[in-house]
């Protein structure tokens, strides 16, 4: 492979990762907009766990409700077909 082909492949992988993440977040946002109670419960969890200005990886891991919302979104709107 030439240097240009390697660069192009790297760009494709970067763009593919960006696109799937953006699509997943769009579906999560859509589900939250359609379910005000879920949105309220998530906001309560965020308020409970994120009292500081910064959010750590450990804080995100401890947010079970957020994890369930993301997993439900991926179940309802899978990014890849099996």
PDB file of N, CA and C in Angstrom:
ATOM      1  N   UNK A   1       0.850  -1.193   0.000  1.00  0.00           N
ATOM      2  CA  UNK A   1       0.000   0.000   0.000  1.00  0.00           C
ATOM      3  C   UNK A   1       0.887   1.245   0.000  1.00  0.00           C
ATOM      4  N   UNK A   2       0.402   2.222  -0.702  1.00  0.00           N
ATOM      5  CA  UNK A   2       1.132   3.489  -0.708  1.00  0.00           C
ATOM      6  C   UNK A   2       0.798   4.274   0.553  1.00  0.00           C
ATOM      7  N   UNK A   3       1.575   5.284   0.802  1.00  0.00           N
ATOM      8  CA  UNK A   3       1.336   6.144   1.963  1.00  0.00           C
ATOM      9  C   UNK A   3      -0.051   6.811   1.876  1.00  0.00           C
ATOM     10  N   UNK A   4      -0.434   7.210   0.677  1.00  0.00           N
ATOM     11  CA  UNK A   4      -1.743   7.842   0.481  1.00  0.00           C
ATOM     12  C   UNK A   4      -2.887   6.863   0.765  1.00  0.00           C
ATOM     13  N   UNK A   5      -2.727   5.602   0.361  1.00  0.00           N
ATOM     14  CA  UNK A   5      -3.756   4.591   0.621  1.00  0.00           C
ATOM     15  C   UNK A   5      -3.879   4.302   2.114  1.00  0.00           C
ATOM     16  N   UNK A   6      -2.756   4.251   2.797  1.00  0.00           N
ATOM     17  CA  UNK A   6      -2.778   4.044   4.254  1.00  0.00           C
ATOM     18  C   UNK A   6      -3.480   5.207   4.941  1.00  0.00           C
ATOM     19  N   UNK A   7      -3.160   6.426   4.514  1.00  0.00           N
ATOM     20  CA  UNK A   7      -3.805   7.610   5.079  1.00  0.00           C
ATOM     21  C   UNK A   7      -5.306   7.573   4.823  1.00  0.00           C
ATOM     22  N   UNK A   8      -5.703   7.195   3.630  1.00  0.00           N
ATOM     23  CA  UNK A   8      -7.129   7.112   3.294  1.00  0.00           C
ATOM     24  C   UNK A   8      -7.839   6.070   4.153  1.00  0.00           C
ATOM     25  N   UNK A   9      -7.201   4.926   4.375  1.00  0.00           N
ATOM     26  CA  UNK A   9      -7.804   3.883   5.215  1.00  0.00           C
ATOM     27  C   UNK A   9      -7.964   4.364   6.657  1.00  0.00           C
ATOM     28  N   UNK A  10      -6.972   5.064   7.162  1.00  0.00           N
ATOM     29  CA  UNK A  10      -7.061   5.615   8.527  1.00  0.00           C
ATOM     30  C   UNK A  10      -8.231   6.589   8.630  1.00  0.00           C
ATOM     31  N   UNK A  11      -8.402   7.410   7.610  1.00  0.00           N
ATOM     32  CA  UNK A  11      -9.503   8.360   7.594  1.00  0.00           C
ATOM     33  C   UNK A  11     -10.848   7.645   7.585  1.00  0.00           C
ATOM     34  N   UNK A  12     -10.959   6.574   6.812  1.00  0.00           N
ATOM     35  CA  UNK A  12     -12.203   5.793   6.751  1.00  0.00           C
ATOM     36  C   UNK A  12     -12.543   5.231   8.128  1.00  0.00           C
ATOM     37  N   UNK A  13     -11.554   4.660   8.822  1.00  0.00           N
ATOM     38  CA  UNK A  13     -11.799   4.104  10.153  1.00  0.00           C
ATOM     39  C   UNK A  13     -12.197   5.190  11.144  1.00  0.00           C
ATOM     40  N   UNK A  14     -11.550   6.340  11.068  1.00  0.00           N
ATOM     41  CA  UNK A  14     -11.881   7.452  11.957  1.00  0.00           C
ATOM     42  C   UNK A  14     -13.307   7.929  11.695  1.00  0.00           C
ATOM     43  N   UNK A  15     -13.648   8.105  10.450  1.00  0.00           N
ATOM     44  CA  UNK A  15     -14.985   8.575  10.102  1.00  0.00           C
ATOM     45  C   UNK A  15     -16.054   7.553  10.485  1.00  0.00           C
ATOM     46  N   UNK A  16     -15.784   6.273  10.286  1.00  0.00           N
ATOM     47  CA  UNK A  16     -16.752   5.235  10.649  1.00  0.00           C
ATOM     48  C   UNK A  16     -17.013   5.247  12.148  1.00  0.00           C
ATOM     49  N   UNK A  17     -15.988   5.411  12.947  1.00  0.00           N
ATOM     50  CA  UNK A  17     -16.158   5.471  14.396  1.00  0.00           C
ATOM     51  C   UNK A  17     -16.941   6.701  14.819  1.00  0.00           C
ATOM     52  N   UNK A  18     -16.672   7.815  14.189  1.00  0.00           N
ATOM     53  CA  UNK A  18     -17.381   9.059  14.501  1.00  0.00           C
ATOM     54  C   UNK A  18     -18.846   8.952  14.118  1.00  0.00           C
ATOM     55  N   UNK A  19     -19.112   8.412  12.959  1.00  0.00           N
ATOM     56  CA  UNK A  19     -20.477   8.318  12.454  1.00  0.00           C
ATOM     57  C   UNK A  19     -21.347   7.427  13.326  1.00  0.00           C
ATOM     58  N   UNK A  20     -20.849   6.272  13.723  1.00  0.00           N
ATOM     59  CA  UNK A  20     -21.660   5.371  14.546  1.00  0.00           C
ATOM     60  C   UNK A  20     -21.924   5.958  15.928  1.00  0.00           C
ATOM     61  N   UNK A  21     -20.935   6.635  16.490  1.00  0.00           N
ATOM     62  CA  UNK A  21     -21.133   7.273  17.795  1.00  0.00           C
ATOM     63  C   UNK A  21     -22.184   8.373  17.703  1.00  0.00           C
ATOM     64  N   UNK A  22     -22.090   9.200  16.673  1.00  0.00           N
ATOM     65  CA  UNK A  22     -23.066  10.279  16.497  1.00  0.00           C
ATOM     66  C   UNK A  22     -24.471   9.722  16.289  1.00  0.00           C
ATOM     67  N   UNK A  23     -24.593   8.663  15.522  1.00  0.00           N
ATOM     68  CA  UNK A  23     -25.897   8.052  15.276  1.00  0.00           C
ATOM     69  C   UNK A  23     -26.477   7.469  16.568  1.00  0.00           C
ATOM     70  N   UNK A  24     -25.638   6.796  17.352  1.00  0.00           N
ATOM     71  CA  UNK A  24     -26.099   6.241  18.634  1.00  0.00           C
ATOM     72  C   UNK A  24     -26.611   7.342  19.552  1.00  0.00           C
ATOM     73  N   UNK A  25     -25.868   8.425  19.652  1.00  0.00           N
ATOM     74  CA  UNK A  25     -26.285   9.534  20.517  1.00  0.00           C
ATOM     75  C   UNK A  25     -27.566  10.190  20.003  1.00  0.00           C
ATOM     76  N   UNK A  26     -27.747  10.240  18.699  1.00  0.00           N
ATOM     77  CA  UNK A  26     -28.978  10.796  18.143  1.00  0.00           C
ATOM     78  C   UNK A  26     -30.181   9.931  18.530  1.00  0.00           C
ATOM     79  N   UNK A  27     -30.024   8.622  18.478  1.00  0.00           N
ATOM     80  CA  UNK A  27     -31.122   7.736  18.872  1.00  0.00           C
ATOM     81  C   UNK A  27     -31.419   7.840  20.373  1.00  0.00           C
ATOM     82  N   UNK A  28     -30.387   7.951  21.199  1.00  0.00           N
ATOM     83  CA  UNK A  28     -30.602   8.136  22.640  1.00  0.00           C
ATOM     84  C   UNK A  28     -31.368   9.430  22.882  1.00  0.00           C
ATOM     85  N   UNK A  29     -30.974  10.490  22.217  1.00  0.00           N
ATOM     86  CA  UNK A  29     -31.658  11.777  22.358  1.00  0.00           C
ATOM     87  C   UNK A  29     -33.114  11.668  21.909  1.00  0.00           C
ATOM     88  N   UNK A  30     -33.349  10.961  20.830  1.00  0.00           N
ATOM     89  CA  UNK A  30     -34.717  10.755  20.336  1.00  0.00           C
ATOM     90  C   UNK A  30     -35.564  10.021  21.371  1.00  0.00           C
ATOM     91  N   UNK A  31     -35.026   8.951  21.936  1.00  0.00           N
ATOM     92  CA  UNK A  31     -35.773   8.189  22.942  1.00  0.00           C
ATOM     93  C   UNK A  31     -36.062   9.026  24.180  1.00  0.00           C
ATOM     94  N   UNK A  32     -35.089   9.813  24.603  1.00  0.00           N
ATOM     95  CA  UNK A  32     -35.307  10.672  25.770  1.00  0.00           C
ATOM     96  C   UNK A  32     -36.375  11.727  25.487  1.00  0.00           C
ATOM     97  N   UNK A  33     -36.378  12.274  24.284  1.00  0.00           N
ATOM     98  CA  UNK A  33     -37.382  13.278  23.936  1.00  0.00           C
ATOM     99  C   UNK A  33     -38.789  12.693  23.914  1.00  0.00           C
ATOM    100  N   UNK A  34     -38.897  11.431  23.556  1.00  0.00           N
ATOM    101  CA  UNK A  34     -40.209  10.776  23.489  1.00  0.00           C
ATOM    102  C   UNK A  34     -40.673  10.208  24.834  1.00  0.00           C
ATOM    103  N   UNK A  35     -39.788  10.185  25.822  1.00  0.00           N
ATOM    104  CA  UNK A  35     -40.115   9.594  27.125  1.00  0.00           C
ATOM    105  C   UNK A  35     -39.714  10.546  28.250  1.00  0.00           C
ATOM    106  N   UNK A  36     -40.572  11.501  28.580  1.00  0.00           N
ATOM    107  CA  UNK A  36     -40.231  12.501  29.596  1.00  0.00           C
ATOM    108  C   UNK A  36     -39.922  11.908  30.971  1.00  0.00           C
ATOM    109  N   UNK A  37     -40.588  10.823  31.347  1.00  0.00           N
ATOM    110  CA  UNK A  37     -40.318  10.218  32.648  1.00  0.00           C
ATOM    111  C   UNK A  37     -38.905   9.634  32.688  1.00  0.00           C
ATOM    112  N   UNK A  38     -38.504   8.980  31.614  1.00  0.00           N
ATOM    113  CA  UNK A  38     -37.148   8.435  31.530  1.00  0.00           C
ATOM    114  C   UNK A  38     -36.143   9.581  31.583  1.00  0.00           C
ATOM    115  N   UNK A  39     -36.439  10.654  30.869  1.00  0.00           N
ATOM    116  CA  UNK A  39     -35.559  11.821  30.867  1.00  0.00           C
ATOM    117  C   UNK A  39     -35.434  12.402  32.282  1.00  0.00           C
ATOM    118  N   UNK A  40     -36.542  12.481  32.996  1.00  0.00           N
ATOM    119  CA  UNK A  40     -36.532  12.996  34.372  1.00  0.00           C
ATOM    120  C   UNK A  40     -35.698  12.101  35.280  1.00  0.00           C
ATOM    121  N   UNK A  41     -35.893  10.789  35.160  1.00  0.00           N
ATOM    122  CA  UNK A  41     -35.130   9.858  35.995  1.00  0.00           C
ATOM    123  C   UNK A  41     -33.635   9.917  35.684  1.00  0.00           C
ATOM    124  N   UNK A  42     -33.295  10.059  34.422  1.00  0.00           N
ATOM    125  CA  UNK A  42     -31.885  10.188  34.046  1.00  0.00           C
ATOM    126  C   UNK A  42     -31.303  11.481  34.604  1.00  0.00           C
ATOM    127  N   UNK A  43     -32.060  12.567  34.530  1.00  0.00           N
ATOM    128  CA  UNK A  43     -31.574  13.838  35.074  1.00  0.00           C
ATOM    129  C   UNK A  43     -31.311  13.727  36.573  1.00  0.00           C
ATOM    130  N   UNK A  44     -32.167  13.011  37.278  1.00  0.00           N
ATOM    131  CA  UNK A  44     -31.954  12.797  38.713  1.00  0.00           C
ATOM    132  C   UNK A  44     -30.678  12.010  38.967  1.00  0.00           C
ATOM    133  N   UNK A  45     -30.425  10.980  38.150  1.00  0.00           N
ATOM    134  CA  UNK A  45     -29.189  10.211  38.317  1.00  0.00           C
ATOM    135  C   UNK A  45     -27.967  11.080  38.015  1.00  0.00           C
ATOM    136  N   UNK A  46     -28.050  11.877  36.986  1.00  0.00           N
ATOM    137  CA  UNK A  46     -26.931  12.771  36.647  1.00  0.00           C
ATOM    138  C   UNK A  46     -26.691  13.748  37.783  1.00  0.00           C
ATOM    139  N   UNK A  47     -27.736  14.348  38.316  1.00  0.00           N
ATOM    140  CA  UNK A  47     -27.589  15.285  39.430  1.00  0.00           C
ATOM    141  C   UNK A  47     -26.985  14.615  40.650  1.00  0.00           C
ATOM    142  N   UNK A  48     -27.349  13.378  40.881  1.00  0.00           N
ATOM    143  CA  UNK A  48     -26.846  12.635  42.041  1.00  0.00           C
ATOM    144  C   UNK A  48     -25.361  12.299  41.901  1.00  0.00           C
ATOM    145  N   UNK A  49     -24.937  11.910  40.714  1.00  0.00           N
ATOM    146  CA  UNK A  49     -23.569  11.438  40.523  1.00  0.00           C
ATOM    147  C   UNK A  49     -22.588  12.514  40.070  1.00  0.00           C
ATOM    148  N   UNK A  50     -23.081  13.578  39.501  1.00  0.00           N
ATOM    149  CA  UNK A  50     -22.194  14.561  38.875  1.00  0.00           C
ATOM    150  C   UNK A  50     -22.292  15.910  39.566  1.00  0.00           C
ATOM    151  N   UNK A  51     -21.903  15.957  40.812  1.00  0.00           N
ATOM    152  CA  UNK A  51     -21.969  17.211  41.549  1.00  0.00           C
ATOM    153  C   UNK A  51     -20.775  18.111  41.255  1.00  0.00           C
ATOM    154  N   UNK A  52     -19.697  17.532  40.733  1.00  0.00           N
ATOM    155  CA  UNK A  52     -18.509  18.333  40.408  1.00  0.00           C
ATOM    156  C   UNK A  52     -18.565  18.791  38.958  1.00  0.00           C
ATOM    157  N   UNK A  53     -17.591  19.650  38.599  1.00  0.00           N
ATOM    158  CA  UNK A  53     -17.530  20.155  37.232  1.00  0.00           C
ATOM    159  C   UNK A  53     -17.038  19.110  36.240  1.00  0.00           C
ATOM    160  N   UNK A  54     -16.209  18.179  36.706  1.00  0.00           N
ATOM    161  CA  UNK A  54     -15.668  17.159  35.813  1.00  0.00           C
ATOM    162  C   UNK A  54     -16.326  15.815  36.084  1.00  0.00           C
ATOM    163  N   UNK A  55     -16.389  15.006  35.043  1.00  0.00           N
ATOM    164  CA  UNK A  55     -16.973  13.674  35.160  1.00  0.00           C
ATOM    165  C   UNK A  55     -15.879  12.664  34.848  1.00  0.00           C
ATOM    166  N   UNK A  56     -15.688  11.730  35.743  1.00  0.00           N
ATOM    167  CA  UNK A  56     -14.649  10.716  35.545  1.00  0.00           C
ATOM    168  C   UNK A  56     -15.257   9.467  34.902  1.00  0.00           C
ATOM    169  N   UNK A  57     -14.385   8.622  34.430  1.00  0.00           N
ATOM    170  CA  UNK A  57     -14.820   7.341  33.857  1.00  0.00           C
ATOM    171  C   UNK A  57     -15.518   6.502  34.919  1.00  0.00           C
ATOM    172  N   UNK A  58     -15.005   6.539  36.140  1.00  0.00           N
ATOM    173  CA  UNK A  58     -15.616   5.773  37.233  1.00  0.00           C
ATOM    174  C   UNK A  58     -17.032   6.270  37.519  1.00  0.00           C
ATOM    175  N   UNK A  59     -17.235   7.578  37.427  1.00  0.00           N
ATOM    176  CA  UNK A  59     -18.572   8.132  37.635  1.00  0.00           C
ATOM    177  C   UNK A  59     -19.531   7.620  36.562  1.00  0.00           C
ATOM    178  N   UNK A  60     -19.091   7.647  35.320  1.00  0.00           N
ATOM    179  CA  UNK A  60     -19.945   7.143  34.233  1.00  0.00           C
ATOM    180  C   UNK A  60     -20.260   5.663  34.408  1.00  0.00           C
ATOM    181  N   UNK A  61     -19.276   4.884  34.845  1.00  0.00           N
ATOM    182  CA  UNK A  61     -19.507   3.453  35.051  1.00  0.00           C
ATOM    183  C   UNK A  61     -20.534   3.197  36.146  1.00  0.00           C
ATOM    184  N   UNK A  62     -20.613   4.093  37.120  1.00  0.00           N
ATOM    185  CA  UNK A  62     -21.538   3.888  38.229  1.00  0.00           C
ATOM    186  C   UNK A  62     -22.970   4.314  37.898  1.00  0.00           C
ATOM    187  N   UNK A  63     -23.176   4.924  36.766  1.00  0.00           N
ATOM    188  CA  UNK A  63     -24.501   5.408  36.380  1.00  0.00           C
ATOM    189  C   UNK A  63     -25.262   4.297  35.645  1.00  0.00           C
ATOM    190  N   UNK A  64     -25.947   3.464  36.402  1.00  0.00           N
ATOM    191  CA  UNK A  64     -26.632   2.284  35.869  1.00  0.00           C
ATOM    192  C   UNK A  64     -27.815   2.644  34.965  1.00  0.00           C
ATOM    193  N   UNK A  65     -28.556   3.665  35.338  1.00  0.00           N
ATOM    194  CA  UNK A  65     -29.727   4.040  34.540  1.00  0.00           C
ATOM    195  C   UNK A  65     -29.294   4.527  33.160  1.00  0.00           C
ATOM    196  N   UNK A  66     -28.254   5.325  33.108  1.00  0.00           N
ATOM    197  CA  UNK A  66     -27.703   5.777  31.834  1.00  0.00           C
ATOM    198  C   UNK A  66     -27.260   4.590  30.991  1.00  0.00           C
ATOM    199  N   UNK A  67     -26.603   3.641  31.614  1.00  0.00           N
ATOM    200  CA  UNK A  67     -26.167   2.438  30.909  1.00  0.00           C
ATOM    201  C   UNK A  67     -27.360   1.691  30.315  1.00  0.00           C
ATOM    202  N   UNK A  68     -28.428   1.570  31.082  1.00  0.00           N
ATOM    203  CA  UNK A  68     -29.631   0.883  30.594  1.00  0.00           C
ATOM    204  C   UNK A  68     -30.255   1.625  29.411  1.00  0.00           C
ATOM    205  N   UNK A  69     -30.258   2.944  29.464  1.00  0.00           N
ATOM    206  CA  UNK A  69     -30.830   3.737  28.374  1.00  0.00           C
ATOM    207  C   UNK A  69     -30.027   3.532  27.088  1.00  0.00           C
ATOM    208  N   UNK A  70     -28.716   3.573  27.204  1.00  0.00           N
ATOM    209  CA  UNK A  70     -27.868   3.383  26.023  1.00  0.00           C
ATOM    210  C   UNK A  70     -28.060   1.976  25.463  1.00  0.00           C
ATOM    211  N   UNK A  71     -28.091   0.993  26.330  1.00  0.00           N
ATOM    212  CA  UNK A  71     -28.277  -0.390  25.854  1.00  0.00           C
ATOM    213  C   UNK A  71     -29.641  -0.587  25.213  1.00  0.00           C
ATOM    214  N   UNK A  72     -30.670   0.019  25.775  1.00  0.00           N
ATOM    215  CA  UNK A  72     -32.010  -0.087  25.186  1.00  0.00           C
ATOM    216  C   UNK A  72     -32.043   0.589  23.814  1.00  0.00           C
ATOM    217  N   UNK A  73     -31.386   1.720  23.700  1.00  0.00           N
ATOM    218  CA  UNK A  73     -31.319   2.399  22.414  1.00  0.00           C
ATOM    219  C   UNK A  73     -30.623   1.529  21.375  1.00  0.00           C
ATOM    220  N   UNK A  74     -29.521   0.889  21.773  1.00  0.00           N
ATOM    221  CA  UNK A  74     -28.805   0.005  20.849  1.00  0.00           C
ATOM    222  C   UNK A  74     -29.628  -1.240  20.506  1.00  0.00           C
ATOM    223  N   UNK A  75     -30.453  -1.687  21.447  1.00  0.00           N
ATOM    224  CA  UNK A  75     -31.330  -2.829  21.157  1.00  0.00           C
ATOM    225  C   UNK A  75     -32.405  -2.435  20.152  1.00  0.00           C
ATOM    226  N   UNK A  76     -32.993  -1.269  20.349  1.00  0.00           N
ATOM    227  CA  UNK A  76     -34.083  -0.822  19.477  1.00  0.00           C
ATOM    228  C   UNK A  76     -33.582  -0.366  18.104  1.00  0.00           C
ATOM    229  N   UNK A  77     -32.421   0.258  18.099  1.00  0.00           N
ATOM    230  CA  UNK A  77     -31.860   0.806  16.857  1.00  0.00           C
ATOM    231  C   UNK A  77     -30.423   0.321  16.686  1.00  0.00           C
ATOM    232  N   UNK A  78     -30.245  -0.949  16.333  1.00  0.00           N
ATOM    233  CA  UNK A  78     -28.871  -1.468  16.192  1.00  0.00           C
ATOM    234  C   UNK A  78     -28.143  -0.777  15.046  1.00  0.00           C
ATOM    235  N   UNK A  79     -26.855  -0.576  15.242  1.00  0.00           N
ATOM    236  CA  UNK A  79     -26.052   0.100  14.224  1.00  0.00           C
ATOM    237  C   UNK A  79     -25.545  -0.859  13.163  1.00  0.00           C
ATOM    238  N   UNK A  80     -25.525  -2.133  13.485  1.00  0.00           N
ATOM    239  CA  UNK A  80     -25.064  -3.135  12.524  1.00  0.00           C
ATOM    240  C   UNK A  80     -26.028  -4.307  12.548  1.00  0.00           C
ATOM    241  N   UNK A  81     -26.354  -4.805  11.385  1.00  0.00           N
ATOM    242  CA  UNK A  81     -27.234  -5.969  11.294  1.00  0.00           C
ATOM    243  C   UNK A  81     -26.435  -7.242  11.476  1.00  0.00           C
ATOM    244  N   UNK A  82     -27.073  -8.220  12.073  1.00  0.00           N
ATOM    245  CA  UNK A  82     -26.411  -9.509  12.261  1.00  0.00           C
ATOM    246  C   UNK A  82     -26.777 -10.452  11.146  1.00  0.00           C
TER     247      UNK A  82
END
